[in-house]
Amino acid sequence: MFIVSLLSFVYGFLCLLIVLLVLIQRGKGNMGLGNVGGNNQMLFGSSGGQDVFQKVTWVCCALLLSGSLVLALSRARNSSSSYLGSYRAPVSSQQQSFPSEE
């Protein structure tokens, strides 16, 4: 149980780290209305090499996705087999009869 708590903490820390890394990165170009007509090479073509922040962001995203899978599998294993848990639908002792449409 301690490991799941530790993984949850690391997962939350990775979420905040990815948000900060994305905010730190510089933009690749002006994607506003002033750039509609030209310079499509920047949008679809080579945009230069990746800097350190982009590589760290990709690694953190991969860790975040794998961590979410591990947490989901560990929590599914620790919980009951049903999402409803111990909930039982009410059963009536009398069968309801509906008037037939004739």
PDB file of N, CA and C in Angstrom:
ATOM      1  N   MET A   1       0.817  -1.190   0.000  1.00  0.00           N
ATOM      2  CA  MET A   1       0.000   0.000   0.000  1.00  0.00           C
ATOM      3  C   MET A   1       0.863   1.257   0.000  1.00  0.00           C
ATOM      4  N   PHE A   2       2.034   1.151   0.638  1.00  0.00           N
ATOM      5  CA  PHE A   2       2.958   2.280   0.673  1.00  0.00           C
ATOM      6  C   PHE A   2       3.466   2.609  -0.726  1.00  0.00           C
ATOM      7  N   ILE A   3       3.672   1.579  -1.531  1.00  0.00           N
ATOM      8  CA  ILE A   3       4.187   1.787  -2.889  1.00  0.00           C
ATOM      9  C   ILE A   3       3.160   2.521  -3.744  1.00  0.00           C
ATOM     10  N   VAL A   4       1.885   2.186  -3.576  1.00  0.00           N
ATOM     11  CA  VAL A   4       0.837   2.872  -4.332  1.00  0.00           C
ATOM     12  C   VAL A   4       0.770   4.338  -3.928  1.00  0.00           C
ATOM     13  N   SER A   5       0.931   4.629  -2.648  1.00  0.00           N
ATOM     14  CA  SER A   5       0.929   6.023  -2.193  1.00  0.00           C
ATOM     15  C   SER A   5       2.133   6.774  -2.742  1.00  0.00           C
ATOM     16  N   LEU A   6       3.286   6.118  -2.766  1.00  0.00           N
ATOM     17  CA  LEU A   6       4.485   6.748  -3.305  1.00  0.00           C
ATOM     18  C   LEU A   6       4.345   6.995  -4.800  1.00  0.00           C
ATOM     19  N   LEU A   7       3.787   6.018  -5.528  1.00  0.00           N
ATOM     20  CA  LEU A   7       3.561   6.197  -6.963  1.00  0.00           C
ATOM     21  C   LEU A   7       2.551   7.308  -7.237  1.00  0.00           C
ATOM     22  N   SER A   8       1.553   7.434  -6.394  1.00  0.00           N
ATOM     23  CA  SER A   8       0.573   8.513  -6.557  1.00  0.00           C
ATOM     24  C   SER A   8       1.220   9.881  -6.367  1.00  0.00           C
ATOM     25  N   PHE A   9       2.118   9.972  -5.389  1.00  0.00           N
ATOM     26  CA  PHE A   9       2.833  11.228  -5.170  1.00  0.00           C
ATOM     27  C   PHE A   9       3.725  11.565  -6.359  1.00  0.00           C
ATOM     28  N   VAL A  10       4.461  10.583  -6.861  1.00  0.00           N
ATOM     29  CA  VAL A  10       5.337  10.802  -8.011  1.00  0.00           C
ATOM     30  C   VAL A  10       4.513  11.163  -9.238  1.00  0.00           C
ATOM     31  N   TYR A  11       3.352  10.545  -9.389  1.00  0.00           N
ATOM     32  CA  TYR A  11       2.454  10.843 -10.500  1.00  0.00           C
ATOM     33  C   TYR A  11       1.997  12.306 -10.459  1.00  0.00           C
ATOM     34  N   GLY A  12       1.604  12.776  -9.288  1.00  0.00           N
ATOM     35  CA  GLY A  12       1.193  14.177  -9.147  1.00  0.00           C
ATOM     36  C   GLY A  12       2.341  15.137  -9.389  1.00  0.00           C
ATOM     37  N   PHE A  13       3.536  14.772  -8.924  1.00  0.00           N
ATOM     38  CA  PHE A  13       4.713  15.604  -9.156  1.00  0.00           C
ATOM     39  C   PHE A  13       5.034  15.676 -10.643  1.00  0.00           C
ATOM     40  N   LEU A  14       4.910  14.555 -11.359  1.00  0.00           N
ATOM     41  CA  LEU A  14       5.150  14.545 -12.803  1.00  0.00           C
ATOM     42  C   LEU A  14       4.147  15.427 -13.538  1.00  0.00           C
ATOM     43  N   CYS A  15       2.902  15.423 -13.091  1.00  0.00           N
ATOM     44  CA  CYS A  15       1.885  16.284 -13.713  1.00  0.00           C
ATOM     45  C   CYS A  15       2.285  17.749 -13.601  1.00  0.00           C
ATOM     46  N   LEU A  16       2.690  18.168 -12.414  1.00  0.00           N
ATOM     47  CA  LEU A  16       3.100  19.561 -12.231  1.00  0.00           C
ATOM     48  C   LEU A  16       4.367  19.881 -13.013  1.00  0.00           C
ATOM     49  N   LEU A  17       5.304  18.942 -13.069  1.00  0.00           N
ATOM     50  CA  LEU A  17       6.542  19.156 -13.799  1.00  0.00           C
ATOM     51  C   LEU A  17       6.286  19.315 -15.290  1.00  0.00           C
ATOM     52  N   ILE A  18       5.373  18.526 -15.833  1.00  0.00           N
ATOM     53  CA  ILE A  18       5.058  18.636 -17.264  1.00  0.00           C
ATOM     54  C   ILE A  18       4.407  19.979 -17.570  1.00  0.00           C
ATOM     55  N   VAL A  19       3.529  20.431 -16.695  1.00  0.00           N
ATOM     56  CA  VAL A  19       2.898  21.736 -16.906  1.00  0.00           C
ATOM     57  C   VAL A  19       3.953  22.840 -16.908  1.00  0.00           C
ATOM     58  N   LEU A  20       4.880  22.785 -15.964  1.00  0.00           N
ATOM     59  CA  LEU A  20       5.937  23.803 -15.918  1.00  0.00           C
ATOM     60  C   LEU A  20       6.853  23.725 -17.135  1.00  0.00           C
ATOM     61  N   LEU A  21       7.194  22.511 -17.569  1.00  0.00           N
ATOM     62  CA  LEU A  21       8.063  22.358 -18.734  1.00  0.00           C
ATOM     63  C   LEU A  21       7.402  22.887 -20.007  1.00  0.00           C
ATOM     64  N   VAL A  22       6.125  22.657 -20.144  1.00  0.00           N
ATOM     65  CA  VAL A  22       5.426  23.153 -21.334  1.00  0.00           C
ATOM     66  C   VAL A  22       5.351  24.674 -21.316  1.00  0.00           C
ATOM     67  N   LEU A  23       5.151  25.252 -20.145  1.00  0.00           N
ATOM     68  CA  LEU A  23       5.089  26.710 -20.055  1.00  0.00           C
ATOM     69  C   LEU A  23       6.453  27.358 -20.288  1.00  0.00           C
ATOM     70  N   ILE A  24       7.524  26.671 -19.951  1.00  0.00           N
ATOM     71  CA  ILE A  24       8.872  27.228 -20.131  1.00  0.00           C
ATOM     72  C   ILE A  24       9.278  27.234 -21.598  1.00  0.00           C
ATOM     73  N   GLN A  25       8.831  26.261 -22.374  1.00  0.00           N
ATOM     74  CA  GLN A  25       9.279  26.120 -23.761  1.00  0.00           C
ATOM     75  C   GLN A  25       8.878  27.327 -24.592  1.00  0.00           C
ATOM     76  N   ARG A  26       9.728  27.650 -25.543  1.00  0.00           N
ATOM     77  CA  ARG A  26       9.443  28.776 -26.428  1.00  0.00           C
ATOM     78  C   ARG A  26       8.565  28.303 -27.581  1.00  0.00           C
ATOM     79  N   GLY A  27       7.813  29.218 -28.137  1.00  0.00           N
ATOM     80  CA  GLY A  27       6.923  28.881 -29.230  1.00  0.00           C
ATOM     81  C   GLY A  27       7.689  28.601 -30.512  1.00  0.00           C
ATOM     82  N   LYS A  28       7.102  27.805 -31.384  1.00  0.00           N
ATOM     83  CA  LYS A  28       7.748  27.451 -32.641  1.00  0.00           C
ATOM     84  C   LYS A  28       7.408  28.417 -33.764  1.00  0.00           C
ATOM     85  N   GLY A  29       6.499  29.285 -33.566  1.00  0.00           N
ATOM     86  CA  GLY A  29       6.133  30.248 -34.601  1.00  0.00           C
ATOM     87  C   GLY A  29       4.806  30.881 -34.268  1.00  0.00           C
ATOM     88  N   ASN A  30       4.465  31.890 -35.007  1.00  0.00           N
ATOM     89  CA  ASN A  30       3.202  32.570 -34.808  1.00  0.00           C
ATOM     90  C   ASN A  30       2.114  31.793 -35.537  1.00  0.00           C
ATOM     91  N   MET A  31       1.188  31.224 -34.813  1.00  0.00           N
ATOM     92  CA  MET A  31       0.108  30.453 -35.420  1.00  0.00           C
ATOM     93  C   MET A  31      -1.176  31.276 -35.491  1.00  0.00           C
ATOM     94  N   GLY A  32      -1.039  32.575 -35.414  1.00  0.00           N
ATOM     95  CA  GLY A  32      -2.205  33.448 -35.446  1.00  0.00           C
ATOM     96  C   GLY A  32      -2.700  33.674 -36.855  1.00  0.00           C
ATOM     97  N   LEU A  33      -3.640  34.590 -37.022  1.00  0.00           N
ATOM     98  CA  LEU A  33      -4.224  34.864 -38.328  1.00  0.00           C
ATOM     99  C   LEU A  33      -3.261  35.570 -39.270  1.00  0.00           C
ATOM    100  N   GLY A  34      -2.246  36.198 -38.750  1.00  0.00           N
ATOM    101  CA  GLY A  34      -1.299  36.886 -39.600  1.00  0.00           C
ATOM    102  C   GLY A  34      -0.400  35.940 -40.372  1.00  0.00           C
ATOM    103  N   ASN A  35      -0.395  34.690 -40.037  1.00  0.00           N
ATOM    104  CA  ASN A  35       0.503  33.732 -40.659  1.00  0.00           C
ATOM    105  C   ASN A  35      -0.263  32.682 -41.465  1.00  0.00           C
ATOM    106  N   VAL A  36      -1.427  33.002 -41.950  1.00  0.00           N
ATOM    107  CA  VAL A  36      -2.252  32.019 -42.656  1.00  0.00           C
ATOM    108  C   VAL A  36      -1.708  31.713 -44.035  1.00  0.00           C
ATOM    109  N   GLY A  37      -1.301  32.722 -44.770  1.00  0.00           N
ATOM    110  CA  GLY A  37      -0.951  32.531 -46.168  1.00  0.00           C
ATOM    111  C   GLY A  37       0.350  31.828 -46.432  1.00  0.00           C
ATOM    112  N   GLY A  38       1.382  32.118 -45.705  1.00  0.00           N
ATOM    113  CA  GLY A  38       2.681  31.605 -46.082  1.00  0.00           C
ATOM    114  C   GLY A  38       3.404  30.908 -44.953  1.00  0.00           C
ATOM    115  N   ASN A  39       4.608  30.461 -45.290  1.00  0.00           N
ATOM    116  CA  ASN A  39       5.510  29.816 -44.357  1.00  0.00           C
ATOM    117  C   ASN A  39       4.938  28.526 -43.799  1.00  0.00           C
ATOM    118  N   ASN A  40       4.386  27.694 -44.681  1.00  0.00           N
ATOM    119  CA  ASN A  40       3.887  26.393 -44.254  1.00  0.00           C
ATOM    120  C   ASN A  40       5.007  25.417 -43.959  1.00  0.00           C
ATOM    121  N   GLN A  41       6.205  25.728 -44.410  1.00  0.00           N
ATOM    122  CA  GLN A  41       7.339  24.856 -44.141  1.00  0.00           C
ATOM    123  C   GLN A  41       7.580  24.731 -42.639  1.00  0.00           C
ATOM    124  N   MET A  42       7.330  25.811 -41.932  1.00  0.00           N
ATOM    125  CA  MET A  42       7.524  25.784 -40.492  1.00  0.00           C
ATOM    126  C   MET A  42       6.464  24.930 -39.807  1.00  0.00           C
ATOM    127  N   LEU A  43       5.278  24.875 -40.375  1.00  0.00           N
ATOM    128  CA  LEU A  43       4.203  24.097 -39.780  1.00  0.00           C
ATOM    129  C   LEU A  43       4.345  22.618 -40.084  1.00  0.00           C
ATOM    130  N   PHE A  44       4.662  22.274 -41.339  1.00  0.00           N
ATOM    131  CA  PHE A  44       4.688  20.875 -41.730  1.00  0.00           C
ATOM    132  C   PHE A  44       6.088  20.319 -41.931  1.00  0.00           C
ATOM    133  N   GLY A  45       7.069  21.174 -42.097  1.00  0.00           N
ATOM    134  CA  GLY A  45       8.405  20.704 -42.432  1.00  0.00           C
ATOM    135  C   GLY A  45       9.308  20.635 -41.221  1.00  0.00           C
ATOM    136  N   SER A  46      10.601  20.776 -41.497  1.00  0.00           N
ATOM    137  CA  SER A  46      11.574  20.690 -40.419  1.00  0.00           C
ATOM    138  C   SER A  46      11.530  21.961 -39.584  1.00  0.00           C
ATOM    139  N   SER A  47      11.510  21.777 -38.302  1.00  0.00           N
ATOM    140  CA  SER A  47      11.465  22.925 -37.403  1.00  0.00           C
ATOM    141  C   SER A  47      12.723  22.976 -36.551  1.00  0.00           C
ATOM    142  N   GLY A  48      13.777  22.338 -36.992  1.00  0.00           N
ATOM    143  CA  GLY A  48      15.007  22.357 -36.222  1.00  0.00           C
ATOM    144  C   GLY A  48      15.038  21.215 -35.221  1.00  0.00           C
ATOM    145  N   GLY A  49      16.136  21.111 -34.523  1.00  0.00           N
ATOM    146  CA  GLY A  49      16.294  20.052 -33.542  1.00  0.00           C
ATOM    147  C   GLY A  49      15.532  20.340 -32.264  1.00  0.00           C
ATOM    148  N   GLN A  50      15.360  19.313 -31.491  1.00  0.00           N
ATOM    149  CA  GLN A  50      14.677  19.475 -30.215  1.00  0.00           C
ATOM    150  C   GLN A  50      15.672  19.979 -29.180  1.00  0.00           C
ATOM    151  N   ASP A  51      15.227  20.895 -28.350  1.00  0.00           N
ATOM    152  CA  ASP A  51      16.099  21.349 -27.291  1.00  0.00           C
ATOM    153  C   ASP A  51      15.913  20.463 -26.059  1.00  0.00           C
ATOM    154  N   VAL A  52      16.627  20.789 -25.008  1.00  0.00           N
ATOM    155  CA  VAL A  52      16.641  19.955 -23.811  1.00  0.00           C
ATOM    156  C   VAL A  52      15.266  19.894 -23.160  1.00  0.00           C
ATOM    157  N   PHE A  53      14.544  21.014 -23.149  1.00  0.00           N
ATOM    158  CA  PHE A  53      13.227  21.033 -22.514  1.00  0.00           C
ATOM    159  C   PHE A  53      12.246  20.109 -23.230  1.00  0.00           C
ATOM    160  N   GLN A  54      12.330  20.049 -24.557  1.00  0.00           N
ATOM    161  CA  GLN A  54      11.427  19.164 -25.297  1.00  0.00           C
ATOM    162  C   GLN A  54      11.736  17.703 -25.007  1.00  0.00           C
ATOM    163  N   LYS A  55      13.006  17.353 -24.937  1.00  0.00           N
ATOM    164  CA  LYS A  55      13.371  15.965 -24.654  1.00  0.00           C
ATOM    165  C   LYS A  55      12.955  15.551 -23.249  1.00  0.00           C
ATOM    166  N   VAL A  56      13.149  16.441 -22.290  1.00  0.00           N
ATOM    167  CA  VAL A  56      12.730  16.143 -20.917  1.00  0.00           C
ATOM    168  C   VAL A  56      11.216  16.022 -20.842  1.00  0.00           C
ATOM    169  N   THR A  57      10.492  16.854 -21.600  1.00  0.00           N
ATOM    170  CA  THR A  57       9.031  16.786 -21.623  1.00  0.00           C
ATOM    171  C   THR A  57       8.556  15.458 -22.189  1.00  0.00           C
ATOM    172  N   TRP A  58       9.181  14.982 -23.267  1.00  0.00           N
ATOM    173  CA  TRP A  58       8.795  13.699 -23.844  1.00  0.00           C
ATOM    174  C   TRP A  58       9.061  12.553 -22.864  1.00  0.00           C
ATOM    175  N   VAL A  59      10.181  12.598 -22.165  1.00  0.00           N
ATOM    176  CA  VAL A  59      10.498  11.549 -21.186  1.00  0.00           C
ATOM    177  C   VAL A  59       9.496  11.581 -20.038  1.00  0.00           C
ATOM    178  N   CYS A  60       9.175  12.779 -19.560  1.00  0.00           N
ATOM    179  CA  CYS A  60       8.203  12.896 -18.462  1.00  0.00           C
ATOM    180  C   CYS A  60       6.813  12.434 -18.894  1.00  0.00           C
ATOM    181  N   CYS A  61       6.435  12.712 -20.137  1.00  0.00           N
ATOM    182  CA  CYS A  61       5.130  12.247 -20.629  1.00  0.00           C
ATOM    183  C   CYS A  61       5.090  10.732 -20.730  1.00  0.00           C
ATOM    184  N   ALA A  62       6.187  10.127 -21.165  1.00  0.00           N
ATOM    185  CA  ALA A  62       6.240   8.662 -21.222  1.00  0.00           C
ATOM    186  C   ALA A  62       6.149   8.066 -19.820  1.00  0.00           C
ATOM    187  N   LEU A  63       6.830   8.672 -18.860  1.00  0.00           N
ATOM    188  CA  LEU A  63       6.748   8.208 -17.475  1.00  0.00           C
ATOM    189  C   LEU A  63       5.343   8.402 -16.910  1.00  0.00           C
ATOM    190  N   LEU A  64       4.697   9.494 -17.279  1.00  0.00           N
ATOM    191  CA  LEU A  64       3.340   9.759 -16.803  1.00  0.00           C
ATOM    192  C   LEU A  64       2.354   8.723 -17.341  1.00  0.00           C
ATOM    193  N   LEU A  65       2.478   8.390 -18.621  1.00  0.00           N
ATOM    194  CA  LEU A  65       1.572   7.396 -19.203  1.00  0.00           C
ATOM    195  C   LEU A  65       1.803   6.015 -18.613  1.00  0.00           C
ATOM    196  N   SER A  66       3.052   5.629 -18.460  1.00  0.00           N
ATOM    197  CA  SER A  66       3.321   4.309 -17.877  1.00  0.00           C
ATOM    198  C   SER A  66       2.942   4.279 -16.400  1.00  0.00           C
ATOM    199  N   GLY A  67       3.135   5.396 -15.701  1.00  0.00           N
ATOM    200  CA  GLY A  67       2.727   5.456 -14.300  1.00  0.00           C
ATOM    201  C   GLY A  67       1.224   5.371 -14.120  1.00  0.00           C
ATOM    202  N   SER A  68       0.482   5.989 -15.043  1.00  0.00           N
ATOM    203  CA  SER A  68      -0.986   5.898 -14.944  1.00  0.00           C
ATOM    204  C   SER A  68      -1.460   4.477 -15.199  1.00  0.00           C
ATOM    205  N   LEU A  69      -0.791   3.776 -16.098  1.00  0.00           N
ATOM    206  CA  LEU A  69      -1.148   2.381 -16.341  1.00  0.00           C
ATOM    207  C   LEU A  69      -0.848   1.520 -15.126  1.00  0.00           C
ATOM    208  N   VAL A  70       0.303   1.716 -14.510  1.00  0.00           N
ATOM    209  CA  VAL A  70       0.670   0.940 -13.326  1.00  0.00           C
ATOM    210  C   VAL A  70      -0.284   1.228 -12.170  1.00  0.00           C
ATOM    211  N   LEU A  71      -0.617   2.496 -11.963  1.00  0.00           N
ATOM    212  CA  LEU A  71      -1.547   2.838 -10.883  1.00  0.00           C
ATOM    213  C   LEU A  71      -2.938   2.272 -11.128  1.00  0.00           C
ATOM    214  N   ALA A  72      -3.395   2.316 -12.359  1.00  0.00           N
ATOM    215  CA  ALA A  72      -4.728   1.777 -12.671  1.00  0.00           C
ATOM    216  C   ALA A  72      -4.759   0.271 -12.449  1.00  0.00           C
ATOM    217  N   LEU A  73      -3.718  -0.415 -12.859  1.00  0.00           N
ATOM    218  CA  LEU A  73      -3.682  -1.868 -12.666  1.00  0.00           C
ATOM    219  C   LEU A  73      -3.550  -2.242 -11.197  1.00  0.00           C
ATOM    220  N   SER A  74      -2.777  -1.485 -10.438  1.00  0.00           N
ATOM    221  CA  SER A  74      -2.615  -1.805  -9.015  1.00  0.00           C
ATOM    222  C   SER A  74      -3.889  -1.515  -8.232  1.00  0.00           C
ATOM    223  N   ARG A  75      -4.575  -0.456  -8.591  1.00  0.00           N
ATOM    224  CA  ARG A  75      -5.829  -0.151  -7.886  1.00  0.00           C
ATOM    225  C   ARG A  75      -6.947  -1.105  -8.288  1.00  0.00           C
ATOM    226  N   ALA A  76      -6.933  -1.567  -9.530  1.00  0.00           N
ATOM    227  CA  ALA A  76      -7.944  -2.534  -9.952  1.00  0.00           C
ATOM    228  C   ALA A  76      -7.710  -3.876  -9.272  1.00  0.00           C
ATOM    229  N   ARG A  77      -6.472  -4.218  -9.031  1.00  0.00           N
ATOM    230  CA  ARG A  77      -6.155  -5.483  -8.366  1.00  0.00           C
ATOM    231  C   ARG A  77      -6.524  -5.426  -6.893  1.00  0.00           C
ATOM    232  N   ASN A  78      -6.345  -4.266  -6.255  1.00  0.00           N
ATOM    233  CA  ASN A  78      -6.634  -4.134  -4.832  1.00  0.00           C
ATOM    234  C   ASN A  78      -8.113  -3.960  -4.538  1.00  0.00           C
ATOM    235  N   SER A  79      -8.876  -3.470  -5.499  1.00  0.00           N
ATOM    236  CA  SER A  79     -10.300  -3.257  -5.252  1.00  0.00           C
ATOM    237  C   SER A  79     -11.076  -4.523  -5.576  1.00  0.00           C
ATOM    238  N   SER A  80     -12.363  -4.474  -5.343  1.00  0.00           N
ATOM    239  CA  SER A  80     -13.196  -5.628  -5.649  1.00  0.00           C
ATOM    240  C   SER A  80     -13.322  -5.788  -7.153  1.00  0.00           C
ATOM    241  N   SER A  81     -13.845  -6.917  -7.567  1.00  0.00           N
ATOM    242  CA  SER A  81     -13.915  -7.216  -8.995  1.00  0.00           C
ATOM    243  C   SER A  81     -14.989  -6.394  -9.707  1.00  0.00           C
ATOM    244  N   SER A  82     -15.895  -5.816  -8.961  1.00  0.00           N
ATOM    245  CA  SER A  82     -16.966  -5.049  -9.577  1.00  0.00           C
ATOM    246  C   SER A  82     -16.826  -3.581  -9.231  1.00  0.00           C
ATOM    247  N   TYR A  83     -17.200  -2.717 -10.154  1.00  0.00           N
ATOM    248  CA  TYR A  83     -17.182  -1.287  -9.882  1.00  0.00           C
ATOM    249  C   TYR A  83     -18.272  -0.906  -8.887  1.00  0.00           C
ATOM    250  N   LEU A  84     -19.306  -1.686  -8.831  1.00  0.00           N
ATOM    251  CA  LEU A  84     -20.412  -1.366  -7.936  1.00  0.00           C
ATOM    252  C   LEU A  84     -20.141  -1.808  -6.513  1.00  0.00           C
ATOM    253  N   GLY A  85     -19.136  -2.635  -6.303  1.00  0.00           N
ATOM    254  CA  GLY A  85     -18.797  -3.067  -4.954  1.00  0.00           C
ATOM    255  C   GLY A  85     -19.862  -3.983  -4.382  1.00  0.00           C
ATOM    256  N   SER A  86     -20.373  -3.644  -3.210  1.00  0.00           N
ATOM    257  CA  SER A  86     -21.355  -4.491  -2.541  1.00  0.00           C
ATOM    258  C   SER A  86     -22.785  -4.032  -2.798  1.00  0.00           C
ATOM    259  N   TYR A  87     -23.002  -3.189  -3.777  1.00  0.00           N
ATOM    260  CA  TYR A  87     -24.338  -2.698  -4.083  1.00  0.00           C
ATOM    261  C   TYR A  87     -25.163  -3.819  -4.707  1.00  0.00           C
ATOM    262  N   ARG A  88     -26.366  -3.970  -4.229  1.00  0.00           N
ATOM    263  CA  ARG A  88     -27.280  -4.959  -4.801  1.00  0.00           C
ATOM    264  C   ARG A  88     -28.553  -4.250  -5.218  1.00  0.00           C
ATOM    265  N   ALA A  89     -29.035  -4.619  -6.357  1.00  0.00           N
ATOM    266  CA  ALA A  89     -30.273  -4.022  -6.859  1.00  0.00           C
ATOM    267  C   ALA A  89     -31.448  -4.519  -6.028  1.00  0.00           C
ATOM    268  N   PRO A  90     -32.408  -3.650  -5.727  1.00  0.00           N
ATOM    269  CA  PRO A  90     -33.572  -4.087  -4.955  1.00  0.00           C
ATOM    270  C   PRO A  90     -34.411  -5.070  -5.768  1.00  0.00           C
ATOM    271  N   VAL A  91     -34.847  -6.114  -5.086  1.00  0.00           N
ATOM    272  CA  VAL A  91     -35.664  -7.135  -5.729  1.00  0.00           C
ATOM    273  C   VAL A  91     -37.048  -7.089  -5.095  1.00  0.00           C
ATOM    274  N   SER A  92     -38.062  -6.936  -5.910  1.00  0.00           N
ATOM    275  CA  SER A  92     -39.414  -6.909  -5.361  1.00  0.00           C
ATOM    276  C   SER A  92     -39.947  -8.332  -5.278  1.00  0.00           C
ATOM    277  N   SER A  93     -40.736  -8.559  -4.265  1.00  0.00           N
ATOM    278  CA  SER A  93     -41.270  -9.906  -4.070  1.00  0.00           C
ATOM    279  C   SER A  93     -42.463 -10.177  -4.989  1.00  0.00           C
ATOM    280  N   GLN A  94     -43.112  -9.128  -5.452  1.00  0.00           N
ATOM    281  CA  GLN A  94     -44.250  -9.304  -6.341  1.00  0.00           C
ATOM    282  C   GLN A  94     -43.868  -8.842  -7.738  1.00  0.00           C
ATOM    283  N   GLN A  95     -44.289  -9.603  -8.697  1.00  0.00           N
ATOM    284  CA  GLN A  95     -44.015  -9.226 -10.071  1.00  0.00           C
ATOM    285  C   GLN A  95     -45.062  -8.210 -10.509  1.00  0.00           C
ATOM    286  N   GLN A  96     -44.617  -7.138 -11.098  1.00  0.00           N
ATOM    287  CA  GLN A  96     -45.536  -6.105 -11.531  1.00  0.00           C
ATOM    288  C   GLN A  96     -46.158  -6.525 -12.843  1.00  0.00           C
ATOM    289  N   SER A  97     -47.471  -6.320 -12.936  1.00  0.00           N
ATOM    290  CA  SER A  97     -48.127  -6.625 -14.190  1.00  0.00           C
ATOM    291  C   SER A  97     -48.557  -5.309 -14.839  1.00  0.00           C
ATOM    292  N   PHE A  98     -48.332  -5.243 -16.120  1.00  0.00           N
ATOM    293  CA  PHE A  98     -48.681  -4.049 -16.867  1.00  0.00           C
ATOM    294  C   PHE A  98     -49.916  -4.346 -17.704  1.00  0.00           C
ATOM    295  N   PRO A  99     -50.821  -3.400 -17.801  1.00  0.00           N
ATOM    296  CA  PRO A  99     -52.011  -3.658 -18.624  1.00  0.00           C
ATOM    297  C   PRO A  99     -51.603  -3.767 -20.106  1.00  0.00           C
ATOM    298  N   SER A 100     -52.163  -4.737 -20.760  1.00  0.00           N
ATOM    299  CA  SER A 100     -51.839  -4.925 -22.168  1.00  0.00           C
ATOM    300  C   SER A 100     -52.617  -3.951 -23.020  1.00  0.00           C
ATOM    301  N   GLU A 101     -52.031  -3.544 -24.090  1.00  0.00           N
ATOM    302  CA  GLU A 101     -52.683  -2.600 -24.994  1.00  0.00           C
ATOM    303  C   GLU A 101     -53.453  -3.382 -26.024  1.00  0.00           C
ATOM    304  N   GLU A 102     -54.755  -3.339 -25.947  1.00  0.00           N
ATOM    305  CA  GLU A 102     -55.578  -4.075 -26.913  1.00  0.00           C
ATOM    306  C   GLU A 102     -56.489  -3.148 -27.635  1.00  0.00           C
TER     307      GLU A 102
END
